[in-house]
Structures are given as C-alpha cells and as structure tokens.
Amino acid sequence: MDLHYEIQGNGEPIVFLHSGGTDLRDWEFIAPKLAQFYKCIAYDGRGTGQSPSPIEFGDYVEDLKNLLDFLDIDNTVLVGHSIGGRIATDFALAYPQRVSKLVLVASGLTGYQFSSELVQRFQEILSAVPNVEKMTQLSLDLPSYQVVLASPQRDRMIEMAKHNTRRGLEWQHVWKDVQVWGELPPIPPLNELAVKTLFIIGTQDIEDCFRIADLFKQVPDIRFARIEGADHMPTLTHPLEVSSLIGEFLGEAKYSGFHLGTIHK
C-alpha cells in the first residue's frame, strides 16, 4: 500500500478521510483525543499530503478498500469530512459489511449539483492554473472558510491549502482534460444506507452543504448535530466539539459528561 497513513491508539478502528484541499492534518486535533479509546487511522488521499500522485483518474473508494485490506481491517468506523464524507458514503453503500458506523462532517455527496455561484468559483480557480498563490486565494475566499481564516488556525489552513494545490498541479495531466462540469452521476440511493450515521455541520457553513445535509435525511438511521459558530472546517476550529460528538455517538462512556450541542434525528 503506497498511501501515507498514521496510526494512533488501540482498540476498535476508526478511519479518518480528510476534506478537499487538506490532508491527514485535517484530523491532527481530533485523532489524538479519540486515540485514548480507539485505534485511529488517518491517511492522505492519493495526490495529497505525502501520498503519491495518481497516474490516472483514481477510484477513491477502492483506495480505501485497499488500505483496509492492507491493514487487515474487516470492519471499521468511518469518519469523513467534506469530499472525505462523500467517499465514506460511497464506500458504505458499496461495502456495507465493512462499516460499523459512519460519521460525516460537512459531507459532500456524489451527484450533487452545486449552485451556479460555487461552480463559477471552481471555474475561476481552474482558470488560475498554474498560479498556486492565486488558486489558493480563490479557494479560501469563500464564506465556508471565513471562520477558520479568522481563527488561530489561519496559517495552518493556508499552508495546507497551498501544499495540496501544489500537489494537485503535479498530476494535472490526469485531470486537466476531464470535463469537470459535465454530466453528473446519479445521487446514490441514500435510503439504502444501512449503517448508523451521524452528520455534523457548522452553523456558518455554506448553503450547498445544508442542502446536502437535507438530502441525507433519507438515511434510515441518521442523527444530525450543528456546531455553533463553525464553518466548513470545524475539525480545525472546534476539535473538542467534533471529537466529543463522535465519542458520544460511538457510545464512549467517558464522553457522556460533555455538553455536545444537539444530536437529533
């Protein structure tokens, strides 16, 4: 397995999937807290962090399966943030027997049609290739990052975004000719998602993310939690709240004393 990963703790496994524009550092404030009770595995997706760039457009669900096979993990909790949540959802639908519980943080969703404003911003980012500084500035100049950029984690967020923008340019030969905004695949059958699920979202996230959260109401066994004052990056700005919500959801008794916000059906 050539993906870069890090493991902390022992016990029931939790695998963390990071958001777009970041890498496993997305979880650096959360995994250590949960590693007191669980075996926490965070990894860099292909072409990010310290993982190698793809030589062709990759199958991120199969990458996750291959990582679990390599680590001899038959069944695990999946925790996915943004695009990592999209991958985790697709994996749970494809391999339901391998997922014990699912936690989604501001999750993306396969087949979701983003608003025209967001599509325009993505097109502006692509038009700035190969200017890393400009691409990063355009990527972070969205309402979804206003809280994190006003927080003590500002420099960490900018550094991660620059690093992974630069990494993305290493394999632009793979994606540059792909019709990014072509016909979308169908939204997966969320009503068939059999695993118990928690969906966490910050109150300051963008409207597209709330629309995606509404679509996840189709999941038969799902709970929702909002983190007050958080944007798209609660993993960096509100790690205690995120880790506590996950711990409560997983049934860890030592988290029962925290006030965790609202988890509701």
Protein backbone atom coordinates (compact mmCIF):
# COMPACT_ATOMS: atom_id res chain seq x y z
CA MET A 1 0.00 0.00 0.00
CA ASP A 2 1.57 3.25 -1.14
CA LEU A 3 -0.82 5.67 0.57
CA HIS A 4 0.67 7.55 3.51
CA TYR A 5 -1.13 6.86 6.78
CA GLU A 6 -0.64 7.34 10.51
CA ILE A 7 -1.99 5.21 13.36
CA GLN A 8 -2.59 6.24 16.97
CA GLY A 9 -4.10 4.28 19.85
CA ASN A 10 -5.55 0.80 20.17
CA GLY A 11 -8.96 -0.82 20.12
CA GLU A 12 -11.85 -0.60 17.68
CA PRO A 13 -10.61 1.06 14.47
CA ILE A 14 -11.68 4.46 13.21
CA VAL A 15 -10.53 5.53 9.75
CA PHE A 16 -10.47 9.27 9.00
CA LEU A 17 -10.93 10.71 5.47
CA HIS A 18 -9.90 14.34 5.07
CA SER A 19 -11.55 17.18 3.16
CA GLY A 20 -10.55 18.61 -0.20
CA GLY A 21 -7.54 20.90 -0.16
CA THR A 22 -6.24 19.31 3.03
CA ASP A 23 -4.56 16.09 4.09
CA LEU A 24 -4.44 13.93 7.21
CA ARG A 25 -3.54 17.06 9.21
CA ASP A 26 -7.27 17.78 8.98
CA TRP A 27 -7.54 15.39 11.95
CA GLU A 28 -4.46 16.38 13.98
CA PHE A 29 -6.55 17.84 16.84
CA ILE A 30 -9.21 15.12 16.80
CA ALA A 31 -7.48 11.77 16.28
CA PRO A 32 -5.31 12.13 19.43
CA LYS A 33 -8.41 12.67 21.57
CA LEU A 34 -10.21 9.62 20.21
CA ALA A 35 -7.00 7.56 20.28
CA GLN A 36 -7.43 7.34 24.05
CA PHE A 37 -10.18 4.82 23.33
CA TYR A 38 -9.84 3.72 19.70
CA LYS A 39 -7.29 2.77 17.05
CA CYS A 40 -7.29 5.89 14.89
CA ILE A 41 -6.05 5.70 11.29
CA ALA A 42 -5.76 8.89 9.24
CA TYR A 43 -4.43 8.81 5.68
CA ASP A 44 -3.56 11.14 2.83
CA GLY A 45 -5.72 10.61 -0.21
CA ARG A 46 -3.94 9.95 -3.48
CA GLY A 47 -2.22 13.12 -4.70
CA THR A 48 -2.41 14.90 -1.33
CA GLY A 49 -0.18 15.21 1.71
CA GLN A 50 2.58 12.63 1.43
CA SER A 51 0.74 10.13 -0.77
CA PRO A 52 1.83 9.64 -4.38
CA SER A 53 0.07 11.33 -7.27
CA PRO A 54 -2.26 9.20 -9.38
CA ILE A 55 -1.17 8.22 -12.87
CA GLU A 56 -4.80 8.06 -13.98
CA PHE A 57 -8.10 9.27 -12.57
CA GLY A 58 -8.44 7.23 -9.39
CA ASP A 59 -11.13 5.25 -7.63
CA TYR A 60 -11.03 6.61 -4.10
CA VAL A 61 -13.47 4.01 -2.78
CA GLU A 62 -11.15 1.24 -3.94
CA ASP A 63 -8.18 3.11 -2.46
CA LEU A 64 -9.94 2.95 0.91
CA LYS A 65 -10.75 -0.73 0.46
CA ASN A 66 -7.14 -1.49 -0.42
CA LEU A 67 -5.93 0.37 2.67
CA LEU A 68 -8.31 -1.58 4.92
CA ASP A 69 -7.21 -4.85 3.31
CA PHE A 70 -3.56 -3.93 3.79
CA LEU A 71 -4.17 -3.16 7.48
CA ASP A 72 -6.29 -6.35 7.95
CA ILE A 73 -9.33 -4.32 9.00
CA ASP A 74 -12.55 -6.16 8.21
CA ASN A 75 -14.92 -3.69 9.87
CA THR A 76 -14.42 -0.08 10.94
CA VAL A 77 -15.97 3.23 11.86
CA LEU A 78 -15.54 5.73 9.03
CA VAL A 79 -15.25 9.46 9.71
CA GLY A 80 -15.28 11.58 6.55
CA HIS A 81 -15.03 15.35 6.12
CA SER A 82 -16.38 17.11 3.01
CA ILE A 83 -15.14 15.11 -0.02
CA GLY A 84 -13.94 12.53 2.51
CA GLY A 85 -17.56 12.19 3.60
CA ARG A 86 -18.58 11.62 0.01
CA ILE A 87 -16.01 8.83 -0.32
CA ALA A 88 -17.03 7.32 3.02
CA THR A 89 -20.70 7.34 1.99
CA ASP A 90 -19.96 5.67 -1.35
CA PHE A 91 -17.80 3.08 0.43
CA ALA A 92 -20.54 2.32 2.99
CA LEU A 93 -23.00 1.73 0.15
CA ALA A 94 -20.57 -0.44 -1.80
CA TYR A 95 -19.24 -2.42 1.18
CA PRO A 96 -21.85 -2.16 3.96
CA GLN A 97 -20.48 -5.18 5.82
CA ARG A 98 -17.20 -3.36 6.37
CA VAL A 99 -18.59 -0.24 8.07
CA SER A 100 -19.81 -0.38 11.68
CA LYS A 101 -20.79 3.31 11.96
CA LEU A 102 -20.50 6.36 9.75
CA VAL A 103 -19.68 9.93 10.80
CA LEU A 104 -19.95 12.69 8.20
CA VAL A 105 -18.59 16.20 8.81
CA ALA A 106 -19.94 18.79 6.34
CA SER A 107 -20.11 15.94 3.85
CA GLY A 108 -20.06 16.11 0.10
CA LEU A 109 -22.31 13.87 -1.97
CA THR A 110 -21.75 12.10 -5.29
CA GLY A 111 -24.01 13.53 -7.99
CA TYR A 112 -24.94 16.70 -6.13
CA GLN A 113 -25.31 19.72 -8.43
CA PHE A 114 -23.58 22.67 -6.78
CA SER A 115 -25.04 26.15 -7.03
CA SER A 116 -24.08 28.27 -10.03
CA GLU A 117 -22.12 30.62 -7.75
CA LEU A 118 -19.95 27.81 -6.45
CA VAL A 119 -19.45 26.33 -9.92
CA GLN A 120 -18.30 29.73 -11.14
CA ARG A 121 -15.78 29.95 -8.30
CA PHE A 122 -14.40 26.49 -9.13
CA GLN A 123 -14.03 27.56 -12.76
CA GLU A 124 -12.15 30.68 -11.65
CA ILE A 125 -9.78 28.50 -9.62
CA LEU A 126 -9.10 26.27 -12.62
CA SER A 127 -8.52 29.31 -14.83
CA ALA A 128 -5.75 30.41 -12.44
CA VAL A 129 -3.64 27.27 -13.10
CA PRO A 130 -0.65 27.14 -12.50
CA ASN A 131 -0.55 30.14 -10.13
CA VAL A 132 -0.57 28.40 -6.73
CA GLU A 133 -0.94 31.64 -4.76
CA LYS A 134 -3.93 32.77 -6.83
CA MET A 135 -5.56 29.34 -6.80
CA THR A 136 -5.22 29.14 -3.02
CA GLN A 137 -6.56 32.65 -2.52
CA LEU A 138 -9.60 31.93 -4.70
CA SER A 139 -10.18 28.59 -2.96
CA LEU A 140 -10.19 30.10 0.51
CA ASP A 141 -12.04 33.29 -0.39
CA LEU A 142 -15.40 31.67 0.23
CA PRO A 143 -17.88 32.07 3.10
CA SER A 144 -17.18 28.45 4.04
CA TYR A 145 -13.70 29.43 5.27
CA GLN A 146 -14.35 32.79 6.96
CA VAL A 147 -14.32 31.36 10.48
CA VAL A 148 -11.15 29.31 10.12
CA LEU A 149 -9.31 32.20 8.46
CA ALA A 150 -10.22 34.43 11.40
CA SER A 151 -9.06 31.80 13.90
CA PRO A 152 -5.67 30.81 15.34
CA GLN A 153 -5.63 28.05 12.67
CA ARG A 154 -5.45 30.55 9.79
CA ASP A 155 -1.80 29.88 8.93
CA ARG A 156 -2.27 26.10 9.19
CA MET A 157 -5.26 26.23 6.82
CA ILE A 158 -3.43 28.39 4.27
CA GLU A 159 -0.30 26.22 4.39
CA MET A 160 -2.32 23.02 3.88
CA ALA A 161 -4.27 24.56 1.00
CA LYS A 162 -1.09 25.77 -0.72
CA HIS A 163 0.66 22.45 -0.22
CA ASN A 164 -2.18 20.44 -1.68
CA THR A 165 -2.82 22.90 -4.51
CA ARG A 166 0.85 22.48 -5.42
CA ARG A 167 0.45 18.69 -5.15
CA GLY A 168 -2.57 18.84 -7.44
CA LEU A 169 -0.54 20.55 -10.13
CA GLU A 170 1.82 17.56 -10.11
CA TRP A 171 -0.92 15.42 -11.62
CA GLN A 172 -2.82 18.00 -13.68
CA HIS A 173 -2.05 15.83 -16.73
CA VAL A 174 -4.63 13.43 -15.25
CA TRP A 175 -7.43 15.91 -14.57
CA LYS A 176 -6.80 18.82 -16.95
CA ASP A 177 -8.66 17.18 -19.85
CA VAL A 178 -11.51 15.85 -17.72
CA GLN A 179 -14.83 17.59 -18.28
CA VAL A 180 -15.15 18.71 -14.66
CA TRP A 181 -18.65 20.10 -15.05
CA GLY A 182 -20.02 17.53 -17.47
CA GLU A 183 -22.95 15.23 -16.81
CA LEU A 184 -23.10 14.27 -13.15
CA PRO A 185 -23.55 10.70 -11.97
CA PRO A 186 -26.82 9.96 -10.17
CA ILE A 187 -27.06 10.70 -6.46
CA PRO A 188 -26.65 7.34 -4.70
CA PRO A 189 -29.67 5.71 -3.01
CA LEU A 190 -29.22 7.17 0.47
CA ASN A 191 -32.33 5.34 1.67
CA GLU A 192 -30.28 2.14 1.24
CA LEU A 193 -27.50 3.32 3.53
CA ALA A 194 -27.93 0.75 6.28
CA VAL A 195 -25.25 1.90 8.72
CA LYS A 196 -25.98 4.10 11.73
CA THR A 197 -24.89 7.61 10.74
CA LEU A 198 -24.06 10.95 12.35
CA PHE A 199 -23.98 14.14 10.23
CA ILE A 200 -22.13 17.11 11.76
CA ILE A 201 -22.29 20.59 10.24
CA GLY A 202 -21.22 24.08 11.34
CA THR A 203 -23.88 26.78 11.53
CA GLN A 204 -21.71 29.09 9.38
CA ASP A 205 -21.21 26.64 6.51
CA ILE A 206 -22.48 27.46 3.02
CA GLU A 207 -25.99 26.78 1.76
CA ASP A 208 -24.88 23.98 -0.56
CA CYS A 209 -23.72 21.98 2.45
CA PHE A 210 -27.07 22.41 4.19
CA ARG A 211 -28.84 21.23 1.03
CA ILE A 212 -26.65 18.13 1.05
CA ALA A 213 -27.50 17.60 4.73
CA ASP A 214 -31.20 17.73 3.82
CA LEU A 215 -30.68 15.00 1.23
CA PHE A 216 -29.11 12.80 3.90
CA LYS A 217 -32.42 12.84 5.79
CA GLN A 218 -33.29 9.88 3.55
CA VAL A 219 -30.86 7.72 5.52
CA PRO A 220 -32.98 5.44 7.76
CA ASP A 221 -30.81 5.66 10.90
CA ILE A 222 -29.23 9.11 10.98
CA ARG A 223 -28.69 11.85 13.54
CA PHE A 224 -27.70 15.45 12.91
CA ALA A 225 -25.59 17.81 15.02
CA ARG A 226 -24.83 21.50 14.46
CA ILE A 227 -21.76 23.22 15.87
CA GLU A 228 -22.46 26.85 16.65
CA GLY A 229 -20.09 29.33 15.05
CA ALA A 230 -18.24 26.78 12.90
CA ASP A 231 -17.80 27.00 9.13
CA HIS A 232 -16.65 24.23 6.78
CA MET A 233 -13.59 23.47 8.92
CA PRO A 234 -14.86 22.55 12.42
CA THR A 235 -12.11 19.93 12.54
CA LEU A 236 -9.61 22.78 12.97
CA THR A 237 -11.64 25.42 14.81
CA HIS A 238 -13.87 23.25 17.04
CA PRO A 239 -11.98 19.96 17.55
CA LEU A 240 -13.25 19.38 21.10
CA GLU A 241 -16.85 19.65 19.94
CA VAL A 242 -16.26 17.39 16.94
CA SER A 243 -14.37 14.72 18.90
CA SER A 244 -16.92 14.83 21.71
CA LEU A 245 -19.82 14.42 19.30
CA ILE A 246 -18.08 11.46 17.70
CA GLY A 247 -17.27 9.94 21.09
CA GLU A 248 -20.87 10.25 22.28
CA PHE A 249 -22.18 8.82 19.01
CA LEU A 250 -19.86 5.83 19.30
CA GLY A 251 -21.01 5.22 22.85
CA GLU A 252 -17.80 6.03 24.69
CA ALA A 253 -18.93 6.49 28.30
CA LYS A 254 -16.12 8.91 29.14
CA TYR A 255 -17.58 11.44 26.73
CA SER A 256 -21.01 11.38 28.37
CA GLY A 257 -20.18 14.29 30.65
CA PHE A 258 -19.56 16.76 27.83
CA HIS A 259 -22.22 19.13 26.58
CA LEU A 260 -22.09 18.23 22.92
CA GLY A 261 -24.56 20.54 21.27
CA THR A 262 -27.60 18.99 19.67
CA ILE A 263 -27.77 15.50 18.20
CA HIS A 264 -31.21 14.95 16.77
CA LYS A 265 -32.96 12.77 14.26
